[in-house]
Each structure stands twice: as C-alpha cells, then as structure tokens.
Amino acid sequence: MKKAYRVKTEADFQKVFHQGQSMANRQFVVYSLEKEKQKHFRVGLSVGKKLGNAVVRNSIKRKIRHCLIEFDQKDLIKPEQDFIVIARAPVSHMDYHEIKKSLLHVLKRAHILKEN
C-alpha cells in the first residue's frame, strides 16, 4: 500500500478519532472521517500489544492491508474517506479469509464501502 494511502501523523489519527464516526464488530473497530475533495482513501492500522508479539502484530497488519488492497482493486472503497482500523483480540486467531469477511462486514456498517 502506497504511503499516500496511509494516515501517518498523530494529528491525523487524532482528527479521525475525535471528529469521525465509529463502528465496531467483535473483531474490529473502525473510525471514519469524510474528507471532501480527496482523490483517494487513507487508512491507519492499529494492532495493540495485547494481540501478541511483534511478529503476530505485523502478520495481522499485513493481512488487513492485503484485504484493503483487494477492496481497492475492486473499487469498493469510497475515495473521500480517512479511516482507522483497530484490531481486537479475536483477530489473532483468525485466518486471512475470516479477517477479510469480518473487515468487509464492519466497513459496510461504517458506510466506507461504495453503494452498489
């Protein structure tokens, strides 16, 4: 995922947390903030230390990024969105397909995906 597609700075993270809407399921919490005139979406990932050591956390982040890249290639994500994905404890025991299904569910509930 390109750097232009990432929410990187602490200020941007805080803006999404404080001004955005949140939606959750058992595996993920998603905070989203609409930004007018933005050419593409930006995403920030957060995986806490409770989920495992660095190897496990990085593996979870790679799986989430891969799902988001797939959703982007299928043109499912609205371009005028900044959103943060926070992984919860059950994610550490899930495989890629379960993560993809759960992430798709929570992104639909948060209205981040385009209406078809």
PDB file of N, CA and C in Angstrom:
ATOM      1  N   MET A   1       0.845  -1.175   0.000  1.00  0.00           N
ATOM      2  CA  MET A   1       0.000   0.000   0.000  1.00  0.00           C
ATOM      3  C   MET A   1       0.894   1.244   0.000  1.00  0.00           C
ATOM      4  N   LYS A   2       0.618   2.164  -0.889  1.00  0.00           N
ATOM      5  CA  LYS A   2       1.437   3.364  -1.028  1.00  0.00           C
ATOM      6  C   LYS A   2       1.309   4.253   0.204  1.00  0.00           C
ATOM      7  N   LYS A   3       2.346   5.036   0.450  1.00  0.00           N
ATOM      8  CA  LYS A   3       2.326   5.935   1.604  1.00  0.00           C
ATOM      9  C   LYS A   3       1.210   6.967   1.502  1.00  0.00           C
ATOM     10  N   ALA A   4       0.853   7.348   0.294  1.00  0.00           N
ATOM     11  CA  ALA A   4      -0.220   8.326   0.100  1.00  0.00           C
ATOM     12  C   ALA A   4      -1.568   7.775   0.571  1.00  0.00           C
ATOM     13  N   TYR A   5      -1.674   6.462   0.714  1.00  0.00           N
ATOM     14  CA  TYR A   5      -2.912   5.830   1.137  1.00  0.00           C
ATOM     15  C   TYR A   5      -2.942   5.578   2.646  1.00  0.00           C
ATOM     16  N   ARG A   6      -1.974   6.116   3.379  1.00  0.00           N
ATOM     17  CA  ARG A   6      -1.893   5.858   4.815  1.00  0.00           C
ATOM     18  C   ARG A   6      -2.127   7.120   5.624  1.00  0.00           C
ATOM     19  N   VAL A   7      -2.809   6.965   6.747  1.00  0.00           N
ATOM     20  CA  VAL A   7      -2.897   8.025   7.748  1.00  0.00           C
ATOM     21  C   VAL A   7      -1.658   7.829   8.616  1.00  0.00           C
ATOM     22  N   LYS A   8      -0.730   8.778   8.601  1.00  0.00           N
ATOM     23  CA  LYS A   8       0.556   8.572   9.254  1.00  0.00           C
ATOM     24  C   LYS A   8       0.749   9.405  10.525  1.00  0.00           C
ATOM     25  N   THR A   9       0.393  10.674  10.492  1.00  0.00           N
ATOM     26  CA  THR A   9       0.749  11.556  11.602  1.00  0.00           C
ATOM     27  C   THR A   9      -0.210  11.400  12.780  1.00  0.00           C
ATOM     28  N   GLU A  10       0.302  11.689  13.941  1.00  0.00           N
ATOM     29  CA  GLU A  10      -0.505  11.646  15.169  1.00  0.00           C
ATOM     30  C   GLU A  10      -1.681  12.616  15.074  1.00  0.00           C
ATOM     31  N   ALA A  11      -1.460  13.776  14.477  1.00  0.00           N
ATOM     32  CA  ALA A  11      -2.530  14.774  14.338  1.00  0.00           C
ATOM     33  C   ALA A  11      -3.668  14.241  13.470  1.00  0.00           C
ATOM     34  N   ASP A  12      -3.329  13.545  12.389  1.00  0.00           N
ATOM     35  CA  ASP A  12      -4.358  12.967  11.519  1.00  0.00           C
ATOM     36  C   ASP A  12      -5.129  11.870  12.245  1.00  0.00           C
ATOM     37  N   PHE A  13      -4.413  11.023  12.994  1.00  0.00           N
ATOM     38  CA  PHE A  13      -5.072   9.982  13.777  1.00  0.00           C
ATOM     39  C   PHE A  13      -6.061  10.608  14.768  1.00  0.00           C
ATOM     40  N   GLN A  14      -5.608  11.634  15.485  1.00  0.00           N
ATOM     41  CA  GLN A  14      -6.462  12.274  16.493  1.00  0.00           C
ATOM     42  C   GLN A  14      -7.680  12.942  15.859  1.00  0.00           C
ATOM     43  N   LYS A  15      -7.491  13.524  14.691  1.00  0.00           N
ATOM     44  CA  LYS A  15      -8.606  14.166  14.000  1.00  0.00           C
ATOM     45  C   LYS A  15      -9.685  13.145  13.652  1.00  0.00           C
ATOM     46  N   VAL A  16      -9.265  11.966  13.152  1.00  0.00           N
ATOM     47  CA  VAL A  16     -10.219  10.911  12.812  1.00  0.00           C
ATOM     48  C   VAL A  16     -10.909  10.399  14.082  1.00  0.00           C
ATOM     49  N   PHE A  17     -10.133  10.200  15.162  1.00  0.00           N
ATOM     50  CA  PHE A  17     -10.716   9.705  16.418  1.00  0.00           C
ATOM     51  C   PHE A  17     -11.746  10.673  16.983  1.00  0.00           C
ATOM     52  N   HIS A  18     -11.415  11.966  17.008  1.00  0.00           N
ATOM     53  CA  HIS A  18     -12.273  12.938  17.689  1.00  0.00           C
ATOM     54  C   HIS A  18     -13.421  13.465  16.834  1.00  0.00           C
ATOM     55  N   GLN A  19     -13.210  13.593  15.516  1.00  0.00           N
ATOM     56  CA  GLN A  19     -14.246  14.157  14.661  1.00  0.00           C
ATOM     57  C   GLN A  19     -15.007  13.112  13.863  1.00  0.00           C
ATOM     58  N   GLY A  20     -14.482  11.890  13.823  1.00  0.00           N
ATOM     59  CA  GLY A  20     -15.087  10.850  12.993  1.00  0.00           C
ATOM     60  C   GLY A  20     -16.136  10.031  13.711  1.00  0.00           C
ATOM     61  N   GLN A  21     -16.758   9.142  12.952  1.00  0.00           N
ATOM     62  CA  GLN A  21     -17.760   8.214  13.465  1.00  0.00           C
ATOM     63  C   GLN A  21     -17.090   6.862  13.717  1.00  0.00           C
ATOM     64  N   SER A  22     -17.610   6.120  14.695  1.00  0.00           N
ATOM     65  CA  SER A  22     -17.036   4.799  14.944  1.00  0.00           C
ATOM     66  C   SER A  22     -18.075   3.713  14.719  1.00  0.00           C
ATOM     67  N   MET A  23     -17.589   2.558  14.324  1.00  0.00           N
ATOM     68  CA  MET A  23     -18.432   1.381  14.118  1.00  0.00           C
ATOM     69  C   MET A  23     -17.581   0.180  14.504  1.00  0.00           C
ATOM     70  N   ALA A  24     -18.210  -0.842  15.060  1.00  0.00           N
ATOM     71  CA  ALA A  24     -17.427  -1.988  15.528  1.00  0.00           C
ATOM     72  C   ALA A  24     -18.181  -3.287  15.331  1.00  0.00           C
ATOM     73  N   ASN A  25     -17.410  -4.362  15.259  1.00  0.00           N
ATOM     74  CA  ASN A  25     -17.938  -5.707  15.427  1.00  0.00           C
ATOM     75  C   ASN A  25     -17.008  -6.398  16.424  1.00  0.00           C
ATOM     76  N   ARG A  26     -17.086  -7.695  16.560  1.00  0.00           N
ATOM     77  CA  ARG A  26     -16.276  -8.367  17.583  1.00  0.00           C
ATOM     78  C   ARG A  26     -14.783  -8.341  17.282  1.00  0.00           C
ATOM     79  N   GLN A  27     -14.426  -8.220  16.018  1.00  0.00           N
ATOM     80  CA  GLN A  27     -13.020  -8.305  15.640  1.00  0.00           C
ATOM     81  C   GLN A  27     -12.347  -6.960  15.369  1.00  0.00           C
ATOM     82  N   PHE A  28     -13.111  -5.956  14.941  1.00  0.00           N
ATOM     83  CA  PHE A  28     -12.528  -4.683  14.542  1.00  0.00           C
ATOM     84  C   PHE A  28     -13.343  -3.505  15.057  1.00  0.00           C
ATOM     85  N   VAL A  29     -12.648  -2.380  15.270  1.00  0.00           N
ATOM     86  CA  VAL A  29     -13.283  -1.084  15.480  1.00  0.00           C
ATOM     87  C   VAL A  29     -12.799  -0.201  14.339  1.00  0.00           C
ATOM     88  N   VAL A  30     -13.713   0.514  13.701  1.00  0.00           N
ATOM     89  CA  VAL A  30     -13.349   1.389  12.587  1.00  0.00           C
ATOM     90  C   VAL A  30     -13.841   2.797  12.897  1.00  0.00           C
ATOM     91  N   TYR A  31     -12.919   3.748  12.854  1.00  0.00           N
ATOM     92  CA  TYR A  31     -13.254   5.170  12.952  1.00  0.00           C
ATOM     93  C   TYR A  31     -13.123   5.745  11.555  1.00  0.00           C
ATOM     94  N   SER A  32     -14.133   6.499  11.116  1.00  0.00           N
ATOM     95  CA  SER A  32     -14.074   7.062   9.769  1.00  0.00           C
ATOM     96  C   SER A  32     -14.414   8.542   9.782  1.00  0.00           C
ATOM     97  N   LEU A  33     -13.779   9.266   8.879  1.00  0.00           N
ATOM     98  CA  LEU A  33     -13.997  10.703   8.735  1.00  0.00           C
ATOM     99  C   LEU A  33     -14.041  11.017   7.247  1.00  0.00           C
ATOM    100  N   GLU A  34     -15.129  11.640   6.815  1.00  0.00           N
ATOM    101  CA  GLU A  34     -15.237  12.022   5.407  1.00  0.00           C
ATOM    102  C   GLU A  34     -14.414  13.274   5.157  1.00  0.00           C
ATOM    103  N   LYS A  35     -13.679  13.273   4.055  1.00  0.00           N
ATOM    104  CA  LYS A  35     -12.886  14.429   3.661  1.00  0.00           C
ATOM    105  C   LYS A  35     -13.241  14.774   2.228  1.00  0.00           C
ATOM    106  N   GLU A  36     -13.824  15.924   2.049  1.00  0.00           N
ATOM    107  CA  GLU A  36     -14.239  16.373   0.725  1.00  0.00           C
ATOM    108  C   GLU A  36     -13.016  16.603  -0.163  1.00  0.00           C
ATOM    109  N   LYS A  37     -13.202  16.384  -1.444  1.00  0.00           N
ATOM    110  CA  LYS A  37     -12.199  16.670  -2.475  1.00  0.00           C
ATOM    111  C   LYS A  37     -10.903  15.877  -2.297  1.00  0.00           C
ATOM    112  N   GLN A  38     -10.989  14.720  -1.665  1.00  0.00           N
ATOM    113  CA  GLN A  38      -9.808  13.863  -1.526  1.00  0.00           C
ATOM    114  C   GLN A  38      -9.811  12.861  -2.667  1.00  0.00           C
ATOM    115  N   LYS A  39      -8.675  12.650  -3.317  1.00  0.00           N
ATOM    116  CA  LYS A  39      -8.626  11.809  -4.505  1.00  0.00           C
ATOM    117  C   LYS A  39      -8.700  10.322  -4.196  1.00  0.00           C
ATOM    118  N   HIS A  40      -8.213   9.909  -3.040  1.00  0.00           N
ATOM    119  CA  HIS A  40      -8.255   8.502  -2.673  1.00  0.00           C
ATOM    120  C   HIS A  40      -8.360   8.372  -1.154  1.00  0.00           C
ATOM    121  N   PHE A  41      -8.827   7.229  -0.713  1.00  0.00           N
ATOM    122  CA  PHE A  41      -8.969   6.990   0.719  1.00  0.00           C
ATOM    123  C   PHE A  41      -7.597   6.901   1.387  1.00  0.00           C
ATOM    124  N   ARG A  42      -7.585   7.117   2.717  1.00  0.00           N
ATOM    125  CA  ARG A  42      -6.376   6.896   3.518  1.00  0.00           C
ATOM    126  C   ARG A  42      -6.766   6.040   4.713  1.00  0.00           C
ATOM    127  N   VAL A  43      -5.888   5.137   5.093  1.00  0.00           N
ATOM    128  CA  VAL A  43      -6.187   4.216   6.183  1.00  0.00           C
ATOM    129  C   VAL A  43      -5.027   4.174   7.171  1.00  0.00           C
ATOM    130  N   GLY A  44      -5.382   4.059   8.450  1.00  0.00           N
ATOM    131  CA  GLY A  44      -4.395   3.843   9.510  1.00  0.00           C
ATOM    132  C   GLY A  44      -4.730   2.531  10.199  1.00  0.00           C
ATOM    133  N   LEU A  45      -3.713   1.777  10.565  1.00  0.00           N
ATOM    134  CA  LEU A  45      -3.922   0.493  11.227  1.00  0.00           C
ATOM    135  C   LEU A  45      -3.363   0.554  12.639  1.00  0.00           C
ATOM    136  N   SER A  46      -4.087  -0.067  13.571  1.00  0.00           N
ATOM    137  CA  SER A  46      -3.634  -0.140  14.943  1.00  0.00           C
ATOM    138  C   SER A  46      -3.859  -1.550  15.460  1.00  0.00           C
ATOM    139  N   VAL A  47      -2.788  -2.184  15.893  1.00  0.00           N
ATOM    140  CA  VAL A  47      -2.853  -3.524  16.468  1.00  0.00           C
ATOM    141  C   VAL A  47      -2.093  -3.456  17.789  1.00  0.00           C
ATOM    142  N   GLY A  48      -2.815  -3.604  18.906  1.00  0.00           N
ATOM    143  CA  GLY A  48      -2.222  -3.434  20.226  1.00  0.00           C
ATOM    144  C   GLY A  48      -1.349  -4.598  20.653  1.00  0.00           C
ATOM    145  N   LYS A  49      -0.539  -4.358  21.687  1.00  0.00           N
ATOM    146  CA  LYS A  49       0.384  -5.366  22.194  1.00  0.00           C
ATOM    147  C   LYS A  49      -0.321  -6.558  22.826  1.00  0.00           C
ATOM    148  N   LYS A  50      -1.580  -6.390  23.193  1.00  0.00           N
ATOM    149  CA  LYS A  50      -2.342  -7.493  23.790  1.00  0.00           C
ATOM    150  C   LYS A  50      -2.557  -8.634  22.799  1.00  0.00           C
ATOM    151  N   LEU A  51      -2.437  -8.344  21.517  1.00  0.00           N
ATOM    152  CA  LEU A  51      -2.700  -9.355  20.496  1.00  0.00           C
ATOM    153  C   LEU A  51      -1.528 -10.290  20.249  1.00  0.00           C
ATOM    154  N   GLY A  52      -0.354  -9.946  20.733  1.00  0.00           N
ATOM    155  CA  GLY A  52       0.791 -10.829  20.560  1.00  0.00           C
ATOM    156  C   GLY A  52       2.078 -10.053  20.391  1.00  0.00           C
ATOM    157  N   ASN A  53       3.148 -10.797  20.106  1.00  0.00           N
ATOM    158  CA  ASN A  53       4.441 -10.146  19.920  1.00  0.00           C
ATOM    159  C   ASN A  53       4.484  -9.457  18.555  1.00  0.00           C
ATOM    160  N   ALA A  54       5.612  -8.853  18.235  1.00  0.00           N
ATOM    161  CA  ALA A  54       5.729  -8.055  17.012  1.00  0.00           C
ATOM    162  C   ALA A  54       5.461  -8.877  15.755  1.00  0.00           C
ATOM    163  N   VAL A  55       5.893 -10.135  15.763  1.00  0.00           N
ATOM    164  CA  VAL A  55       5.687 -10.990  14.589  1.00  0.00           C
ATOM    165  C   VAL A  55       4.192 -11.194  14.332  1.00  0.00           C
ATOM    166  N   VAL A  56       3.440 -11.468  15.384  1.00  0.00           N
ATOM    167  CA  VAL A  56       1.993 -11.685  15.265  1.00  0.00           C
ATOM    168  C   VAL A  56       1.297 -10.396  14.843  1.00  0.00           C
ATOM    169  N   ARG A  57       1.656  -9.277  15.469  1.00  0.00           N
ATOM    170  CA  ARG A  57       1.021  -7.988  15.141  1.00  0.00           C
ATOM    171  C   ARG A  57       1.287  -7.595  13.698  1.00  0.00           C
ATOM    172  N   ASN A  58       2.515  -7.772  13.231  1.00  0.00           N
ATOM    173  CA  ASN A  58       2.841  -7.428  11.841  1.00  0.00           C
ATOM    174  C   ASN A  58       2.124  -8.344  10.856  1.00  0.00           C
ATOM    175  N   SER A  59       1.961  -9.601  11.226  1.00  0.00           N
ATOM    176  CA  SER A  59       1.219 -10.539  10.380  1.00  0.00           C
ATOM    177  C   SER A  59      -0.238 -10.098  10.244  1.00  0.00           C
ATOM    178  N   ILE A  60      -0.838  -9.678  11.349  1.00  0.00           N
ATOM    179  CA  ILE A  60      -2.221  -9.193  11.320  1.00  0.00           C
ATOM    180  C   ILE A  60      -2.328  -7.959  10.431  1.00  0.00           C
ATOM    181  N   LYS A  61      -1.383  -7.030  10.573  1.00  0.00           N
ATOM    182  CA  LYS A  61      -1.410  -5.814   9.758  1.00  0.00           C
ATOM    183  C   LYS A  61      -1.250  -6.127   8.272  1.00  0.00           C
ATOM    184  N   ARG A  62      -0.384  -7.084   7.941  1.00  0.00           N
ATOM    185  CA  ARG A  62      -0.213  -7.480   6.542  1.00  0.00           C
ATOM    186  C   ARG A  62      -1.508  -8.046   5.969  1.00  0.00           C
ATOM    187  N   LYS A  63      -2.201  -8.876   6.756  1.00  0.00           N
ATOM    188  CA  LYS A  63      -3.459  -9.459   6.288  1.00  0.00           C
ATOM    189  C   LYS A  63      -4.514  -8.376   6.077  1.00  0.00           C
ATOM    190  N   ILE A  64      -4.602  -7.424   6.997  1.00  0.00           N
ATOM    191  CA  ILE A  64      -5.571  -6.333   6.868  1.00  0.00           C
ATOM    192  C   ILE A  64      -5.238  -5.484   5.639  1.00  0.00           C
ATOM    193  N   ARG A  65      -3.950  -5.146   5.459  1.00  0.00           N
ATOM    194  CA  ARG A  65      -3.535  -4.360   4.294  1.00  0.00           C
ATOM    195  C   ARG A  65      -3.871  -5.080   2.997  1.00  0.00           C
ATOM    196  N   HIS A  66      -3.635  -6.379   2.973  1.00  0.00           N
ATOM    197  CA  HIS A  66      -3.924  -7.164   1.767  1.00  0.00           C
ATOM    198  C   HIS A  66      -5.418  -7.117   1.446  1.00  0.00           C
ATOM    199  N   CYS A  67      -6.258  -7.239   2.458  1.00  0.00           N
ATOM    200  CA  CYS A  67      -7.717  -7.129   2.252  1.00  0.00           C
ATOM    201  C   CYS A  67      -8.074  -5.761   1.671  1.00  0.00           C
ATOM    202  N   LEU A  68      -7.500  -4.710   2.239  1.00  0.00           N
ATOM    203  CA  LEU A  68      -7.812  -3.359   1.770  1.00  0.00           C
ATOM    204  C   LEU A  68      -7.334  -3.131   0.337  1.00  0.00           C
ATOM    205  N   ILE A  69      -6.192  -3.704  -0.016  1.00  0.00           N
ATOM    206  CA  ILE A  69      -5.712  -3.597  -1.390  1.00  0.00           C
ATOM    207  C   ILE A  69      -6.677  -4.299  -2.342  1.00  0.00           C
ATOM    208  N   GLU A  70      -7.170  -5.469  -1.939  1.00  0.00           N
ATOM    209  CA  GLU A  70      -8.160  -6.182  -2.764  1.00  0.00           C
ATOM    210  C   GLU A  70      -9.430  -5.361  -2.931  1.00  0.00           C
ATOM    211  N   PHE A  71      -9.916  -4.782  -1.830  1.00  0.00           N
ATOM    212  CA  PHE A  71     -11.131  -3.961  -1.896  1.00  0.00           C
ATOM    213  C   PHE A  71     -10.906  -2.758  -2.804  1.00  0.00           C
ATOM    214  N   ASP A  72      -9.696  -2.164  -2.759  1.00  0.00           N
ATOM    215  CA  ASP A  72      -9.380  -1.014  -3.597  1.00  0.00           C
ATOM    216  C   ASP A  72      -9.316  -1.415  -5.071  1.00  0.00           C
ATOM    217  N   GLN A  73      -8.733  -2.560  -5.365  1.00  0.00           N
ATOM    218  CA  GLN A  73      -8.647  -3.021  -6.750  1.00  0.00           C
ATOM    219  C   GLN A  73     -10.028  -3.291  -7.328  1.00  0.00           C
ATOM    220  N   LYS A  74     -10.952  -3.716  -6.490  1.00  0.00           N
ATOM    221  CA  LYS A  74     -12.327  -3.938  -6.933  1.00  0.00           C
ATOM    222  C   LYS A  74     -13.136  -2.642  -6.889  1.00  0.00           C
ATOM    223  N   ASP A  75     -12.468  -1.545  -6.511  1.00  0.00           N
ATOM    224  CA  ASP A  75     -13.087  -0.218  -6.445  1.00  0.00           C
ATOM    225  C   ASP A  75     -14.296  -0.199  -5.512  1.00  0.00           C
ATOM    226  N   LEU A  76     -14.126  -0.759  -4.316  1.00  0.00           N
ATOM    227  CA  LEU A  76     -15.217  -0.840  -3.350  1.00  0.00           C
ATOM    228  C   LEU A  76     -15.198   0.294  -2.328  1.00  0.00           C
ATOM    229  N   ILE A  77     -14.041   0.903  -2.101  1.00  0.00           N
ATOM    230  CA  ILE A  77     -13.897   1.886  -1.034  1.00  0.00           C
ATOM    231  C   ILE A  77     -14.103   3.293  -1.576  1.00  0.00           C
ATOM    232  N   LYS A  78     -14.901   4.092  -0.853  1.00  0.00           N
ATOM    233  CA  LYS A  78     -15.129   5.487  -1.243  1.00  0.00           C
ATOM    234  C   LYS A  78     -13.816   6.269  -1.160  1.00  0.00           C
ATOM    235  N   PRO A  79     -13.531   7.120  -2.145  1.00  0.00           N
ATOM    236  CA  PRO A  79     -12.248   7.834  -2.146  1.00  0.00           C
ATOM    237  C   PRO A  79     -12.160   8.964  -1.122  1.00  0.00           C
ATOM    238  N   GLU A  80     -13.270   9.513  -0.701  1.00  0.00           N
ATOM    239  CA  GLU A  80     -13.230  10.693   0.176  1.00  0.00           C
ATOM    240  C   GLU A  80     -13.280  10.308   1.657  1.00  0.00           C
ATOM    241  N   GLN A  81     -12.571   9.250   2.034  1.00  0.00           N
ATOM    242  CA  GLN A  81     -12.591   8.754   3.410  1.00  0.00           C
ATOM    243  C   GLN A  81     -11.189   8.659   3.999  1.00  0.00           C
ATOM    244  N   ASP A  82     -11.064   9.061   5.264  1.00  0.00           N
ATOM    245  CA  ASP A  82      -9.928   8.679   6.098  1.00  0.00           C
ATOM    246  C   ASP A  82     -10.517   7.729   7.126  1.00  0.00           C
ATOM    247  N   PHE A  83      -9.871   6.587   7.348  1.00  0.00           N
ATOM    248  CA  PHE A  83     -10.374   5.699   8.387  1.00  0.00           C
ATOM    249  C   PHE A  83      -9.255   4.946   9.090  1.00  0.00           C
ATOM    250  N   ILE A  84      -9.531   4.596  10.336  1.00  0.00           N
ATOM    251  CA  ILE A  84      -8.597   3.878  11.191  1.00  0.00           C
ATOM    252  C   ILE A  84      -9.214   2.525  11.487  1.00  0.00           C
ATOM    253  N   VAL A  85      -8.445   1.458  11.323  1.00  0.00           N
ATOM    254  CA  VAL A  85      -8.896   0.106  11.647  1.00  0.00           C
ATOM    255  C   VAL A  85      -8.125  -0.357  12.877  1.00  0.00           C
ATOM    256  N   ILE A  86      -8.856  -0.676  13.935  1.00  0.00           N
ATOM    257  CA  ILE A  86      -8.246  -1.176  15.165  1.00  0.00           C
ATOM    258  C   ILE A  86      -8.626  -2.641  15.308  1.00  0.00           C
ATOM    259  N   ALA A  87      -7.617  -3.504  15.423  1.00  0.00           N
ATOM    260  CA  ALA A  87      -7.861  -4.938  15.557  1.00  0.00           C
ATOM    261  C   ALA A  87      -8.089  -5.288  17.030  1.00  0.00           C
ATOM    262  N   ARG A  88      -9.072  -6.141  17.281  1.00  0.00           N
ATOM    263  CA  ARG A  88      -9.355  -6.639  18.621  1.00  0.00           C
ATOM    264  C   ARG A  88      -8.778  -8.048  18.783  1.00  0.00           C
ATOM    265  N   ALA A  89      -8.799  -8.552  19.989  1.00  0.00           N
ATOM    266  CA  ALA A  89      -8.140  -9.822  20.336  1.00  0.00           C
ATOM    267  C   ALA A  89      -8.505 -11.024  19.458  1.00  0.00           C
ATOM    268  N   PRO A  90      -9.767 -11.254  19.083  1.00  0.00           N
ATOM    269  CA  PRO A  90     -10.072 -12.456  18.284  1.00  0.00           C
ATOM    270  C   PRO A  90      -9.345 -12.529  16.941  1.00  0.00           C
ATOM    271  N   VAL A  91      -8.873 -11.406  16.435  1.00  0.00           N
ATOM    272  CA  VAL A  91      -8.220 -11.379  15.119  1.00  0.00           C
ATOM    273  C   VAL A  91      -6.939 -12.216  15.122  1.00  0.00           C
ATOM    274  N   SER A  92      -6.282 -12.318  16.260  1.00  0.00           N
ATOM    275  CA  SER A  92      -5.006 -13.044  16.310  1.00  0.00           C
ATOM    276  C   SER A  92      -5.161 -14.538  16.037  1.00  0.00           C
ATOM    277  N   HIS A  93      -6.391 -15.061  16.153  1.00  0.00           N
ATOM    278  CA  HIS A  93      -6.642 -16.483  15.917  1.00  0.00           C
ATOM    279  C   HIS A  93      -7.374 -16.740  14.596  1.00  0.00           C
ATOM    280  N   MET A  94      -7.495 -15.715  13.760  1.00  0.00           N
ATOM    281  CA  MET A  94      -8.254 -15.853  12.520  1.00  0.00           C
ATOM    282  C   MET A  94      -7.320 -15.997  11.329  1.00  0.00           C
ATOM    283  N   ASP A  95      -7.789 -16.718  10.305  1.00  0.00           N
ATOM    284  CA  ASP A  95      -7.021 -16.791   9.071  1.00  0.00           C
ATOM    285  C   ASP A  95      -7.428 -15.633   8.145  1.00  0.00           C
ATOM    286  N   TYR A  96      -6.778 -15.552   6.992  1.00  0.00           N
ATOM    287  CA  TYR A  96      -6.988 -14.434   6.073  1.00  0.00           C
ATOM    288  C   TYR A  96      -8.451 -14.298   5.642  1.00  0.00           C
ATOM    289  N   HIS A  97      -9.091 -15.393   5.301  1.00  0.00           N
ATOM    290  CA  HIS A  97     -10.460 -15.333   4.780  1.00  0.00           C
ATOM    291  C   HIS A  97     -11.448 -14.885   5.850  1.00  0.00           C
ATOM    292  N   GLU A  98     -11.233 -15.285   7.086  1.00  0.00           N
ATOM    293  CA  GLU A  98     -12.097 -14.825   8.181  1.00  0.00           C
ATOM    294  C   GLU A  98     -11.898 -13.336   8.438  1.00  0.00           C
ATOM    295  N   ILE A  99     -10.647 -12.891   8.380  1.00  0.00           N
ATOM    296  CA  ILE A  99     -10.356 -11.462   8.559  1.00  0.00           C
ATOM    297  C   ILE A  99     -11.018 -10.650   7.443  1.00  0.00           C
ATOM    298  N   LYS A 100     -10.910 -11.138   6.212  1.00  0.00           N
ATOM    299  CA  LYS A 100     -11.495 -10.431   5.071  1.00  0.00           C
ATOM    300  C   LYS A 100     -13.010 -10.311   5.221  1.00  0.00           C
ATOM    301  N   LYS A 101     -13.662 -11.396   5.616  1.00  0.00           N
ATOM    302  CA  LYS A 101     -15.119 -11.396   5.785  1.00  0.00           C
ATOM    303  C   LYS A 101     -15.538 -10.427   6.888  1.00  0.00           C
ATOM    304  N   SER A 102     -14.825 -10.456   8.019  1.00  0.00           N
ATOM    305  CA  SER A 102     -15.153  -9.583   9.141  1.00  0.00           C
ATOM    306  C   SER A 102     -14.886  -8.123   8.807  1.00  0.00           C
ATOM    307  N   LEU A 103     -13.775  -7.849   8.112  1.00  0.00           N
ATOM    308  CA  LEU A 103     -13.441  -6.477   7.733  1.00  0.00           C
ATOM    309  C   LEU A 103     -14.468  -5.926   6.741  1.00  0.00           C
ATOM    310  N   LEU A 104     -14.885  -6.748   5.794  1.00  0.00           N
ATOM    311  CA  LEU A 104     -15.914  -6.341   4.835  1.00  0.00           C
ATOM    312  C   LEU A 104     -17.209  -5.985   5.569  1.00  0.00           C
ATOM    313  N   HIS A 105     -17.561  -6.788   6.559  1.00  0.00           N
ATOM    314  CA  HIS A 105     -18.775  -6.553   7.342  1.00  0.00           C
ATOM    315  C   HIS A 105     -18.717  -5.212   8.073  1.00  0.00           C
ATOM    316  N   VAL A 106     -17.618  -4.946   8.774  1.00  0.00           N
ATOM    317  CA  VAL A 106     -17.539  -3.713   9.559  1.00  0.00           C
ATOM    318  C   VAL A 106     -17.407  -2.485   8.656  1.00  0.00           C
ATOM    319  N   LEU A 107     -16.748  -2.611   7.509  1.00  0.00           N
ATOM    320  CA  LEU A 107     -16.649  -1.480   6.583  1.00  0.00           C
ATOM    321  C   LEU A 107     -18.002  -1.154   5.948  1.00  0.00           C
ATOM    322  N   LYS A 108     -18.814  -2.177   5.694  1.00  0.00           N
ATOM    323  CA  LYS A 108     -20.175  -1.932   5.199  1.00  0.00           C
ATOM    324  C   LYS A 108     -21.000  -1.198   6.240  1.00  0.00           C
ATOM    325  N   ARG A 109     -20.894  -1.641   7.491  1.00  0.00           N
ATOM    326  CA  ARG A 109     -21.653  -0.996   8.572  1.00  0.00           C
ATOM    327  C   ARG A 109     -21.223   0.450   8.778  1.00  0.00           C
ATOM    328  N   ALA A 110     -19.935   0.738   8.537  1.00  0.00           N
ATOM    329  CA  ALA A 110     -19.414   2.100   8.722  1.00  0.00           C
ATOM    330  C   ALA A 110     -19.642   2.973   7.495  1.00  0.00           C
ATOM    331  N   HIS A 111     -20.263   2.441   6.441  1.00  0.00           N
ATOM    332  CA  HIS A 111     -20.544   3.174   5.202  1.00  0.00           C
ATOM    333  C   HIS A 111     -19.276   3.683   4.531  1.00  0.00           C
ATOM    334  N   ILE A 112     -18.219   2.878   4.593  1.00  0.00           N
ATOM    335  CA  ILE A 112     -16.961   3.215   3.930  1.00  0.00           C
ATOM    336  C   ILE A 112     -16.938   2.630   2.517  1.00  0.00           C
ATOM    337  N   LEU A 113     -17.662   1.564   2.327  1.00  0.00           N
ATOM    338  CA  LEU A 113     -17.729   0.942   1.014  1.00  0.00           C
ATOM    339  C   LEU A 113     -18.774   1.645   0.153  1.00  0.00           C
ATOM    340  N   LYS A 114     -18.526   1.656  -1.145  1.00  0.00           N
ATOM    341  CA  LYS A 114     -19.469   2.287  -2.082  1.00  0.00           C
ATOM    342  C   LYS A 114     -20.762   1.501  -2.130  1.00  0.00           C
ATOM    343  N   GLU A 115     -21.853   2.230  -2.365  1.00  0.00           N
ATOM    344  CA  GLU A 115     -23.166   1.586  -2.534  1.00  0.00           C
ATOM    345  C   GLU A 115     -23.251   1.051  -3.952  1.00  0.00           C
ATOM    346  N   ASN A 116     -23.647  -0.200  -4.090  1.00  0.00           N
ATOM    347  CA  ASN A 116     -23.773  -0.773  -5.442  1.00  0.00           C
ATOM    348  C   ASN A 116     -25.198  -0.856  -5.878  1.00  0.00           C
TER     349      ASN A 116
END
